[in-house]
Amino acid sequence: AMQTFPVEEAQRFYFDLIAAPLKKH
């Protein structure tokens, strides 16, 4: 699962988030 998430603070930050399941759960 992938998604880009902006964080609004004193200046804007952009984070690419990637969640990858491992083998055999």
PDB file of all heavy atoms in Angstrom:
ATOM      1  N   ALA A   1       0.860  -1.191   0.000  1.00  0.00           N
ATOM      2  CA  ALA A   1       0.000   0.000   0.000  1.00  0.00           C
ATOM      3  C   ALA A   1       0.897   1.242   0.000  1.00  0.00           C
ATOM      4  O   ALA A   1       1.844   1.327   0.780  1.00  0.00           O
ATOM      5  CB  ALA A   1      -0.918  -0.002   1.219  1.00  0.00           C
ATOM      6  N   MET A   2       0.594   2.221  -0.882  1.00  0.00           N
ATOM      7  CA  MET A   2       1.408   3.428  -1.021  1.00  0.00           C
ATOM      8  C   MET A   2       0.503   4.657  -0.991  1.00  0.00           C
ATOM      9  O   MET A   2      -0.637   4.604  -1.463  1.00  0.00           O
ATOM     10  CB  MET A   2       2.207   3.390  -2.334  1.00  0.00           C
ATOM     11  CG  MET A   2       3.096   2.178  -2.488  1.00  0.00           C
ATOM     12  SD  MET A   2       3.928   2.121  -4.096  1.00  0.00           S
ATOM     13  CE  MET A   2       4.898   3.629  -4.018  1.00  0.00           C
ATOM     14  N   GLN A   3       1.044   5.740  -0.437  1.00  0.00           N
ATOM     15  CA  GLN A   3       0.282   6.977  -0.399  1.00  0.00           C
ATOM     16  C   GLN A   3       1.229   8.135  -0.090  1.00  0.00           C
ATOM     17  O   GLN A   3       2.199   7.983   0.657  1.00  0.00           O
ATOM     18  CB  GLN A   3      -0.820   6.908   0.665  1.00  0.00           C
ATOM     19  CG  GLN A   3      -1.810   8.066   0.595  1.00  0.00           C
ATOM     20  CD  GLN A   3      -2.994   7.857   1.507  1.00  0.00           C
ATOM     21  OE1 GLN A   3      -3.130   6.810   2.121  1.00  0.00           O
ATOM     22  NE2 GLN A   3      -3.859   8.844   1.602  1.00  0.00           N
ATOM     23  N   THR A   4       0.930   9.287  -0.690  1.00  0.00           N
ATOM     24  CA  THR A   4       1.674  10.518  -0.395  1.00  0.00           C
ATOM     25  C   THR A   4       0.853  11.353   0.570  1.00  0.00           C
ATOM     26  O   THR A   4      -0.346  11.580   0.352  1.00  0.00           O
ATOM     27  CB  THR A   4       1.948  11.308  -1.679  1.00  0.00           C
ATOM     28  OG1 THR A   4       2.717  10.491  -2.575  1.00  0.00           O
ATOM     29  CG2 THR A   4       2.724  12.579  -1.372  1.00  0.00           C
ATOM     30  N   PHE A   5       1.522  11.801   1.624  1.00  0.00           N
ATOM     31  CA  PHE A   5       0.800  12.520   2.680  1.00  0.00           C
ATOM     32  C   PHE A   5       1.522  13.834   2.976  1.00  0.00           C
ATOM     33  O   PHE A   5       2.704  13.833   3.345  1.00  0.00           O
ATOM     34  CB  PHE A   5       0.735  11.665   3.947  1.00  0.00           C
ATOM     35  CG  PHE A   5      -0.067  12.296   5.051  1.00  0.00           C
ATOM     36  CD1 PHE A   5      -1.447  12.365   4.986  1.00  0.00           C
ATOM     37  CD2 PHE A   5       0.571  12.834   6.162  1.00  0.00           C
ATOM     38  CE1 PHE A   5      -2.186  12.947   6.000  1.00  0.00           C
ATOM     39  CE2 PHE A   5      -0.155  13.417   7.189  1.00  0.00           C
ATOM     40  CZ  PHE A   5      -1.542  13.474   7.103  1.00  0.00           C
ATOM     41  N   PRO A   6       0.827  14.998   2.789  1.00  0.00           N
ATOM     42  CA  PRO A   6       1.452  16.290   3.119  1.00  0.00           C
ATOM     43  C   PRO A   6       1.226  16.638   4.590  1.00  0.00           C
ATOM     44  O   PRO A   6       0.165  16.361   5.156  1.00  0.00           O
ATOM     45  CB  PRO A   6       0.710  17.260   2.201  1.00  0.00           C
ATOM     46  CG  PRO A   6      -0.640  16.639   2.022  1.00  0.00           C
ATOM     47  CD  PRO A   6      -0.451  15.160   2.097  1.00  0.00           C
ATOM     48  N   VAL A   7       2.229  17.209   5.211  1.00  0.00           N
ATOM     49  CA  VAL A   7       2.144  17.646   6.603  1.00  0.00           C
ATOM     50  C   VAL A   7       2.238  19.161   6.627  1.00  0.00           C
ATOM     51  O   VAL A   7       3.237  19.742   6.184  1.00  0.00           O
ATOM     52  CB  VAL A   7       3.264  17.010   7.456  1.00  0.00           C
ATOM     53  CG1 VAL A   7       3.199  17.526   8.882  1.00  0.00           C
ATOM     54  CG2 VAL A   7       3.146  15.496   7.432  1.00  0.00           C
ATOM     55  N   GLU A   8       1.190  19.807   7.157  1.00  0.00           N
ATOM     56  CA  GLU A   8       1.134  21.265   7.217  1.00  0.00           C
ATOM     57  C   GLU A   8       1.700  21.735   8.561  1.00  0.00           C
ATOM     58  O   GLU A   8       1.127  21.488   9.617  1.00  0.00           O
ATOM     59  CB  GLU A   8      -0.316  21.747   7.059  1.00  0.00           C
ATOM     60  CG  GLU A   8      -0.937  21.435   5.711  1.00  0.00           C
ATOM     61  CD  GLU A   8      -0.335  22.275   4.599  1.00  0.00           C
ATOM     62  OE1 GLU A   8       0.368  23.264   4.920  1.00  0.00           O
ATOM     63  OE2 GLU A   8      -0.564  21.948   3.419  1.00  0.00           O
ATOM     64  N   GLU A   9       2.843  22.394   8.506  1.00  0.00           N
ATOM     65  CA  GLU A   9       3.436  22.974   9.717  1.00  0.00           C
ATOM     66  C   GLU A   9       3.869  24.397   9.363  1.00  0.00           C
ATOM     67  O   GLU A   9       3.179  25.070   8.596  1.00  0.00           O
ATOM     68  CB  GLU A   9       4.593  22.092  10.193  1.00  0.00           C
ATOM     69  CG  GLU A   9       4.125  20.710  10.663  1.00  0.00           C
ATOM     70  CD  GLU A   9       5.281  19.804  11.036  1.00  0.00           C
ATOM     71  OE1 GLU A   9       6.433  20.190  10.791  1.00  0.00           O
ATOM     72  OE2 GLU A   9       5.021  18.704  11.564  1.00  0.00           O
ATOM     73  N   ALA A  10       4.965  24.861   9.940  1.00  0.00           N
ATOM     74  CA  ALA A  10       5.455  26.192   9.560  1.00  0.00           C
ATOM     75  C   ALA A  10       5.715  26.238   8.063  1.00  0.00           C
ATOM     76  O   ALA A  10       5.509  27.253   7.412  1.00  0.00           O
ATOM     77  CB  ALA A  10       6.731  26.521  10.344  1.00  0.00           C
ATOM     78  N   GLN A  11       6.146  25.118   7.520  1.00  0.00           N
ATOM     79  CA  GLN A  11       6.232  24.944   6.074  1.00  0.00           C
ATOM     80  C   GLN A  11       5.704  23.562   5.728  1.00  0.00           C
ATOM     81  O   GLN A  11       5.612  22.685   6.582  1.00  0.00           O
ATOM     82  CB  GLN A  11       7.683  25.104   5.596  1.00  0.00           C
ATOM     83  CG  GLN A  11       8.664  24.157   6.263  1.00  0.00           C
ATOM     84  CD  GLN A  11      10.070  24.373   5.757  1.00  0.00           C
ATOM     85  OE1 GLN A  11      10.292  25.033   4.750  1.00  0.00           O
ATOM     86  NE2 GLN A  11      11.035  23.824   6.468  1.00  0.00           N
ATOM     87  N   ARG A  12       5.343  23.366   4.514  1.00  0.00           N
ATOM     88  CA  ARG A  12       4.722  22.107   4.106  1.00  0.00           C
ATOM     89  C   ARG A  12       5.793  21.060   3.841  1.00  0.00           C
ATOM     90  O   ARG A  12       6.797  21.323   3.178  1.00  0.00           O
ATOM     91  CB  ARG A  12       3.870  22.330   2.861  1.00  0.00           C
ATOM     92  CG  ARG A  12       3.314  21.036   2.277  1.00  0.00           C
ATOM     93  CD  ARG A  12       2.328  21.288   1.168  1.00  0.00           C
ATOM     94  NE  ARG A  12       1.060  21.789   1.692  1.00  0.00           N
ATOM     95  CZ  ARG A  12      -0.062  21.860   0.974  1.00  0.00           C
ATOM     96  NH1 ARG A  12      -0.055  21.479  -0.300  1.00  0.00           N
ATOM     97  NH2 ARG A  12      -1.167  22.319   1.501  1.00  0.00           N
ATOM     98  N   PHE A  13       5.525  19.827   4.395  1.00  0.00           N
ATOM     99  CA  PHE A  13       6.389  18.675   4.158  1.00  0.00           C
ATOM    100  C   PHE A  13       5.578  17.615   3.419  1.00  0.00           C
ATOM    101  O   PHE A  13       4.381  17.438   3.670  1.00  0.00           O
ATOM    102  CB  PHE A  13       6.922  18.098   5.471  1.00  0.00           C
ATOM    103  CG  PHE A  13       7.840  19.026   6.215  1.00  0.00           C
ATOM    104  CD1 PHE A  13       7.330  19.921   7.165  1.00  0.00           C
ATOM    105  CD2 PHE A  13       9.195  19.014   5.976  1.00  0.00           C
ATOM    106  CE1 PHE A  13       8.170  20.763   7.850  1.00  0.00           C
ATOM    107  CE2 PHE A  13      10.049  19.862   6.665  1.00  0.00           C
ATOM    108  CZ  PHE A  13       9.527  20.751   7.603  1.00  0.00           C
ATOM    109  N   TYR A  14       6.271  16.867   2.542  1.00  0.00           N
ATOM    110  CA  TYR A  14       5.631  15.806   1.778  1.00  0.00           C
ATOM    111  C   TYR A  14       6.319  14.475   2.104  1.00  0.00           C
ATOM    112  O   TYR A  14       7.559  14.399   2.071  1.00  0.00           O
ATOM    113  CB  TYR A  14       5.718  16.078   0.266  1.00  0.00           C
ATOM    114  CG  TYR A  14       4.959  17.304  -0.172  1.00  0.00           C
ATOM    115  CD1 TYR A  14       5.575  18.552  -0.211  1.00  0.00           C
ATOM    116  CD2 TYR A  14       3.618  17.220  -0.553  1.00  0.00           C
ATOM    117  CE1 TYR A  14       4.889  19.678  -0.614  1.00  0.00           C
ATOM    118  CE2 TYR A  14       2.925  18.349  -0.965  1.00  0.00           C
ATOM    119  CZ  TYR A  14       3.562  19.579  -0.987  1.00  0.00           C
ATOM    120  OH  TYR A  14       2.868  20.701  -1.384  1.00  0.00           O
ATOM    121  N   PHE A  15       5.509  13.466   2.430  1.00  0.00           N
ATOM    122  CA  PHE A  15       6.041  12.144   2.760  1.00  0.00           C
ATOM    123  C   PHE A  15       5.365  11.092   1.877  1.00  0.00           C
ATOM    124  O   PHE A  15       4.142  11.074   1.739  1.00  0.00           O
ATOM    125  CB  PHE A  15       5.789  11.786   4.236  1.00  0.00           C
ATOM    126  CG  PHE A  15       6.539  12.668   5.196  1.00  0.00           C
ATOM    127  CD1 PHE A  15       5.917  13.772   5.777  1.00  0.00           C
ATOM    128  CD2 PHE A  15       7.861  12.392   5.518  1.00  0.00           C
ATOM    129  CE1 PHE A  15       6.603  14.568   6.664  1.00  0.00           C
ATOM    130  CE2 PHE A  15       8.547  13.197   6.412  1.00  0.00           C
ATOM    131  CZ  PHE A  15       7.923  14.289   6.983  1.00  0.00           C
ATOM    132  N   ASP A  16       6.194  10.243   1.264  1.00  0.00           N
ATOM    133  CA  ASP A  16       5.693   9.057   0.564  1.00  0.00           C
ATOM    134  C   ASP A  16       5.712   7.896   1.546  1.00  0.00           C
ATOM    135  O   ASP A  16       6.773   7.535   2.085  1.00  0.00           O
ATOM    136  CB  ASP A  16       6.567   8.734  -0.657  1.00  0.00           C
ATOM    137  CG  ASP A  16       6.245   9.643  -1.822  1.00  0.00           C
ATOM    138  OD1 ASP A  16       5.286  10.428  -1.706  1.00  0.00           O
ATOM    139  OD2 ASP A  16       6.968   9.579  -2.836  1.00  0.00           O
ATOM    140  N   LEU A  17       4.552   7.299   1.800  1.00  0.00           N
ATOM    141  CA  LEU A  17       4.422   6.197   2.761  1.00  0.00           C
ATOM    142  C   LEU A  17       4.199   4.898   2.003  1.00  0.00           C
ATOM    143  O   LEU A  17       3.341   4.812   1.118  1.00  0.00           O
ATOM    144  CB  LEU A  17       3.236   6.451   3.706  1.00  0.00           C
ATOM    145  CG  LEU A  17       3.205   7.831   4.386  1.00  0.00           C
ATOM    146  CD1 LEU A  17       1.968   7.960   5.255  1.00  0.00           C
ATOM    147  CD2 LEU A  17       4.469   8.050   5.192  1.00  0.00           C
ATOM    148  N   ILE A  18       4.983   3.881   2.355  1.00  0.00           N
ATOM    149  CA  ILE A  18       4.895   2.561   1.700  1.00  0.00           C
ATOM    150  C   ILE A  18       4.816   1.502   2.788  1.00  0.00           C
ATOM    151  O   ILE A  18       5.713   1.410   3.636  1.00  0.00           O
ATOM    152  CB  ILE A  18       6.114   2.296   0.793  1.00  0.00           C
ATOM    153  CG1 ILE A  18       6.280   3.412  -0.237  1.00  0.00           C
ATOM    154  CG2 ILE A  18       5.978   0.942   0.098  1.00  0.00           C
ATOM    155  CD1 ILE A  18       7.564   3.321  -1.034  1.00  0.00           C
ATOM    156  N   ALA A  19       3.748   0.700   2.790  1.00  0.00           N
ATOM    157  CA  ALA A  19       3.577  -0.411   3.727  1.00  0.00           C
ATOM    158  C   ALA A  19       3.602  -1.712   2.935  1.00  0.00           C
ATOM    159  O   ALA A  19       2.760  -1.917   2.053  1.00  0.00           O
ATOM    160  CB  ALA A  19       2.274  -0.289   4.513  1.00  0.00           C
ATOM    161  N   ALA A  20       4.587  -2.576   3.218  1.00  0.00           N
ATOM    162  CA  ALA A  20       4.758  -3.828   2.477  1.00  0.00           C
ATOM    163  C   ALA A  20       4.680  -5.010   3.440  1.00  0.00           C
ATOM    164  O   ALA A  20       5.465  -5.082   4.387  1.00  0.00           O
ATOM    165  CB  ALA A  20       6.103  -3.830   1.746  1.00  0.00           C
ATOM    166  N   PRO A  21       3.725  -5.936   3.224  1.00  0.00           N
ATOM    167  CA  PRO A  21       3.648  -7.131   4.088  1.00  0.00           C
ATOM    168  C   PRO A  21       4.790  -8.092   3.792  1.00  0.00           C
ATOM    169  O   PRO A  21       5.219  -8.243   2.643  1.00  0.00           O
ATOM    170  CB  PRO A  21       2.298  -7.745   3.730  1.00  0.00           C
ATOM    171  CG  PRO A  21       2.010  -7.258   2.344  1.00  0.00           C
ATOM    172  CD  PRO A  21       2.649  -5.898   2.233  1.00  0.00           C
ATOM    173  N   LEU A  22       5.303  -8.741   4.837  1.00  0.00           N
ATOM    174  CA  LEU A  22       6.369  -9.725   4.686  1.00  0.00           C
ATOM    175  C   LEU A  22       5.783 -11.080   4.325  1.00  0.00           C
ATOM    176  O   LEU A  22       4.584 -11.319   4.458  1.00  0.00           O
ATOM    177  CB  LEU A  22       7.175  -9.834   5.987  1.00  0.00           C
ATOM    178  CG  LEU A  22       7.862  -8.543   6.447  1.00  0.00           C
ATOM    179  CD1 LEU A  22       8.558  -8.766   7.777  1.00  0.00           C
ATOM    180  CD2 LEU A  22       8.866  -8.060   5.410  1.00  0.00           C
ATOM    181  N   LYS A  23       6.656 -11.987   3.885  1.00  0.00           N
ATOM    182  CA  LYS A  23       6.217 -13.326   3.510  1.00  0.00           C
ATOM    183  C   LYS A  23       5.777 -14.107   4.750  1.00  0.00           C
ATOM    184  O   LYS A  23       6.229 -13.845   5.863  1.00  0.00           O
ATOM    185  CB  LYS A  23       7.339 -14.085   2.794  1.00  0.00           C
ATOM    186  CG  LYS A  23       7.702 -13.484   1.436  1.00  0.00           C
ATOM    187  CD  LYS A  23       8.774 -14.308   0.760  1.00  0.00           C
ATOM    188  CE  LYS A  23       9.113 -13.733  -0.620  1.00  0.00           C
ATOM    189  NZ  LYS A  23      10.186 -14.520  -1.284  1.00  0.00           N
ATOM    190  N   LYS A  24       4.903 -15.081   4.523  1.00  0.00           N
ATOM    191  CA  LYS A  24       4.407 -15.989   5.563  1.00  0.00           C
ATOM    192  C   LYS A  24       3.694 -15.233   6.676  1.00  0.00           C
ATOM    193  O   LYS A  24       3.640 -15.705   7.806  1.00  0.00           O
ATOM    194  CB  LYS A  24       5.547 -16.824   6.137  1.00  0.00           C
ATOM    195  CG  LYS A  24       6.237 -17.715   5.109  1.00  0.00           C
ATOM    196  CD  LYS A  24       7.342 -18.534   5.737  1.00  0.00           C
ATOM    197  CE  LYS A  24       8.021 -19.418   4.691  1.00  0.00           C
ATOM    198  NZ  LYS A  24       9.112 -20.227   5.276  1.00  0.00           N
ATOM    199  N   HIS A  25       3.198 -14.029   6.348  1.00  0.00           N
ATOM    200  CA  HIS A  25       2.412 -13.244   7.305  1.00  0.00           C
ATOM    201  C   HIS A  25       3.176 -13.053   8.625  1.00  0.00           C
ATOM    202  O   HIS A  25       2.630 -13.222   9.718  1.00  0.00           O
ATOM    203  CB  HIS A  25       1.071 -13.922   7.578  1.00  0.00           C
ATOM    204  CG  HIS A  25       0.247 -14.132   6.344  1.00  0.00           C
ATOM    205  ND1 HIS A  25      -0.432 -13.106   5.723  1.00  0.00           N
ATOM    206  CD2 HIS A  25       0.029 -15.248   5.604  1.00  0.00           C
ATOM    207  CE1 HIS A  25      -1.064 -13.589   4.661  1.00  0.00           C
ATOM    208  NE2 HIS A  25      -0.793 -14.878   4.562  1.00  0.00           N
TER     209      HIS A  25
END
